[in-house]
Protein backbone atom coordinates (compact mmCIF):
# COMPACT_ATOMS: atom_id res chain seq x y z
CA MET A 1 83.54 -7.34 32.62
CA SER A 2 80.56 -5.73 31.82
CA VAL A 3 77.07 -5.73 33.53
CA SER A 4 75.43 -7.36 30.50
CA THR A 5 78.65 -9.76 29.79
CA ARG A 6 78.11 -11.36 33.73
CA PHE A 7 74.13 -11.33 32.65
CA LEU A 8 74.74 -13.49 30.07
CA ARG A 9 77.00 -15.41 31.72
CA SER A 10 75.24 -16.47 34.52
CA ILE A 11 72.30 -17.27 32.00
CA ALA A 12 74.19 -19.26 29.58
CA LYS A 13 73.75 -22.55 31.13
CA THR A 14 69.81 -22.07 31.67
CA ARG A 15 67.26 -24.05 29.47
CA GLY A 16 65.79 -20.85 28.09
CA MET A 17 69.23 -20.02 26.75
CA ARG A 18 69.81 -23.29 25.17
CA TRP A 19 66.43 -22.97 23.72
CA PHE A 20 67.39 -19.59 22.09
CA MET A 21 70.54 -20.77 20.92
CA MET A 22 68.92 -23.49 18.97
CA LYS A 23 65.80 -21.42 17.49
CA ALA A 24 66.79 -17.68 17.28
CA GLN A 25 70.40 -17.25 17.45
CA ARG A 26 71.54 -18.96 14.31
CA PRO A 27 69.02 -17.88 12.45
CA LEU A 28 69.46 -14.16 13.62
CA ASP A 29 73.70 -14.83 12.83
CA GLU A 30 72.96 -15.85 9.35
CA ARG A 31 70.57 -12.89 8.61
CA PHE A 32 72.80 -10.62 9.78
CA LYS A 33 75.99 -11.59 8.84
CA GLY A 34 78.19 -9.05 7.54
CA THR A 35 76.74 -6.38 9.11
CA ARG A 36 77.24 -4.03 12.15
CA PHE A 37 74.79 -5.73 14.07
CA MET A 38 75.95 -8.83 14.96
CA PRO A 39 73.33 -10.74 17.62
CA SER A 40 76.10 -12.49 19.26
CA THR A 41 78.01 -9.43 19.79
CA VAL A 42 74.96 -7.75 21.47
CA GLY A 43 75.65 -6.37 24.88
CA GLY A 44 79.15 -5.78 25.37
CA VAL A 45 79.81 -9.91 24.75
CA ASP A 46 81.98 -10.69 21.70
CA THR A 47 81.70 -14.13 21.43
CA PRO A 48 84.10 -15.08 18.04
CA ILE A 49 81.69 -15.87 15.31
CA CYS A 50 82.66 -17.65 12.35
CA PHE A 51 80.88 -18.87 8.90
CA LEU A 52 81.66 -22.54 8.04
CA THR A 53 80.77 -23.50 4.69
CA THR A 54 80.93 -27.52 4.17
CA THR A 55 79.73 -29.82 1.12
CA GLY A 56 76.46 -31.19 2.21
CA ARG A 57 77.67 -35.09 2.16
CA VAL A 58 74.57 -36.37 0.51
CA THR A 59 73.41 -32.90 -1.71
CA GLY A 60 77.04 -31.63 -3.09
CA GLU A 61 75.69 -28.35 -2.00
CA PRO A 62 77.69 -26.17 -0.50
CA ARG A 63 75.94 -25.43 3.58
CA THR A 64 77.19 -22.16 5.63
CA VAL A 65 76.94 -22.37 9.72
CA PRO A 66 77.96 -19.70 11.95
CA LEU A 67 80.03 -21.04 15.03
CA VAL A 68 81.71 -20.08 17.84
CA TYR A 69 85.31 -20.54 17.17
CA VAL A 70 88.73 -20.57 19.23
CA PRO A 71 92.09 -19.52 17.53
CA ALA A 72 94.76 -22.10 18.34
CA PRO A 73 98.45 -20.93 19.11
CA ASP A 74 99.65 -22.11 15.50
CA GLY A 75 97.07 -20.55 13.29
CA THR A 76 94.86 -22.75 12.83
CA VAL A 77 90.99 -22.25 14.17
CA ALA A 78 88.81 -24.90 16.26
CA VAL A 79 85.03 -25.32 16.21
CA VAL A 80 82.94 -27.95 18.43
CA ALA A 81 80.22 -29.82 17.01
CA SER A 82 78.30 -29.58 20.26
CA ASN A 83 74.73 -28.78 18.80
CA TYR A 84 73.64 -27.70 21.92
CA GLY A 85 74.05 -30.68 23.91
CA GLN A 86 71.33 -33.00 21.48
CA ARG A 87 71.96 -36.41 20.96
CA HIS A 88 72.96 -36.14 17.58
CA HIS A 89 76.17 -34.81 15.84
CA PRO A 90 75.20 -31.88 13.58
CA ALA A 91 74.97 -32.13 9.65
CA TRP A 92 78.05 -30.20 9.12
CA SER A 93 80.13 -32.12 11.44
CA HIS A 94 78.99 -35.79 9.15
CA ASN A 95 79.70 -32.83 5.92
CA LEU A 96 83.54 -32.62 7.38
CA ASP A 97 84.05 -36.02 8.08
CA ALA A 98 82.78 -36.90 4.43
CA ASN A 99 85.11 -34.09 2.94
CA PRO A 100 87.25 -32.10 5.21
CA GLU A 101 87.79 -29.00 2.64
CA ALA A 102 85.80 -26.32 3.38
CA THR A 103 85.54 -22.36 3.83
CA LEU A 104 86.15 -20.75 6.48
CA GLU A 105 84.99 -16.73 6.82
CA VAL A 106 86.61 -14.62 10.05
CA ASP A 107 86.00 -10.98 10.53
CA GLY A 108 84.90 -10.80 6.74
CA SER A 109 87.85 -12.53 5.28
CA THR A 110 87.00 -15.81 3.22
CA SER A 111 89.96 -18.29 3.01
CA PRO A 112 89.94 -22.33 2.41
CA VAL A 113 90.65 -24.60 4.80
CA ILE A 114 91.20 -28.72 5.48
CA ALA A 115 89.47 -30.11 8.82
CA ARG A 116 90.38 -32.61 11.04
CA ARG A 117 88.85 -34.18 14.23
CA ALA A 118 91.40 -32.76 17.04
CA GLU A 119 93.20 -35.40 18.98
CA THR A 120 92.20 -35.64 22.27
CA HIS A 121 95.00 -33.74 23.48
CA GLU A 122 94.44 -31.05 21.65
CA ALA A 123 90.88 -31.10 22.75
CA LYS A 124 91.48 -30.96 26.01
CA ASN A 125 93.16 -27.74 26.11
CA LEU A 126 90.89 -26.30 23.71
CA TRP A 127 88.05 -26.80 26.01
CA ALA A 128 88.96 -24.30 28.47
CA ALA A 129 89.14 -21.32 25.72
CA PHE A 130 85.76 -22.69 24.63
CA ASP A 131 83.90 -22.34 27.85
CA HIS A 132 85.63 -18.68 28.60
CA VAL A 133 83.95 -17.62 25.16
CA TRP A 134 80.70 -19.24 25.89
CA PRO A 135 80.36 -21.14 29.26
CA GLY A 136 77.06 -23.16 27.57
CA TYR A 137 79.53 -25.39 26.52
CA GLU A 138 80.37 -26.85 29.57
CA ALA A 139 76.15 -27.72 30.10
CA TYR A 140 76.19 -28.86 26.52
CA ARG A 141 78.45 -31.48 27.68
CA ASP A 142 77.00 -32.54 30.54
CA LEU A 143 73.47 -32.98 28.60
CA THR A 144 74.72 -35.58 26.07
CA ASP A 145 76.60 -38.88 26.45
CA ARG A 146 78.26 -38.66 22.92
CA ASP A 147 81.57 -37.74 22.37
CA ILE A 148 81.46 -33.94 21.32
CA ARG A 149 83.64 -33.64 18.27
CA MET A 150 85.75 -30.89 17.75
CA TYR A 151 87.25 -29.76 14.21
CA VAL A 152 91.32 -27.95 13.62
CA LEU A 153 90.84 -26.17 10.82
CA THR A 154 94.16 -25.03 8.99
CA PRO A 155 94.44 -23.07 6.23
CA VAL A 156 95.21 -23.97 2.99
CA PRO A 157 98.43 -22.03 1.49
CA GLN A 158 97.39 -19.73 -1.24
CA GLU A 159 99.20 -20.18 -4.23
CA ALA A 160 100.94 -16.68 -5.56
């Protein structure tokens, strides 16, 4: 593990890093989407970032958010609605609950997916993987009393 990776992991759970992630990281990831300069991969820390596009439950408009993801063994992808440990669920999770059809972009490849909430046993197994790629998740779980939602995104088979 590089020095920069160790440093970022040591500050991942701090209040300052949580503020940075909420206020600066997300807009930077959105701004540099598709370029070689992804802030989430700076300093030798390769945090797996996907872009999830949901349909706004009120507006019907597409809404895209950058999220940390973990690939699951069965070819699905898991994402967490931690909202940085805030008291409320993020809007995108409400959108998925209202309409589970979404679009997932990973490494420049886009595909339609169907989302479902992870079952308790799945979430329990996936938390270790999420904590490994971003240690801040442990702090987010400690900061909130709400049940943090986790979603499994299953690719929709493409018609030939």
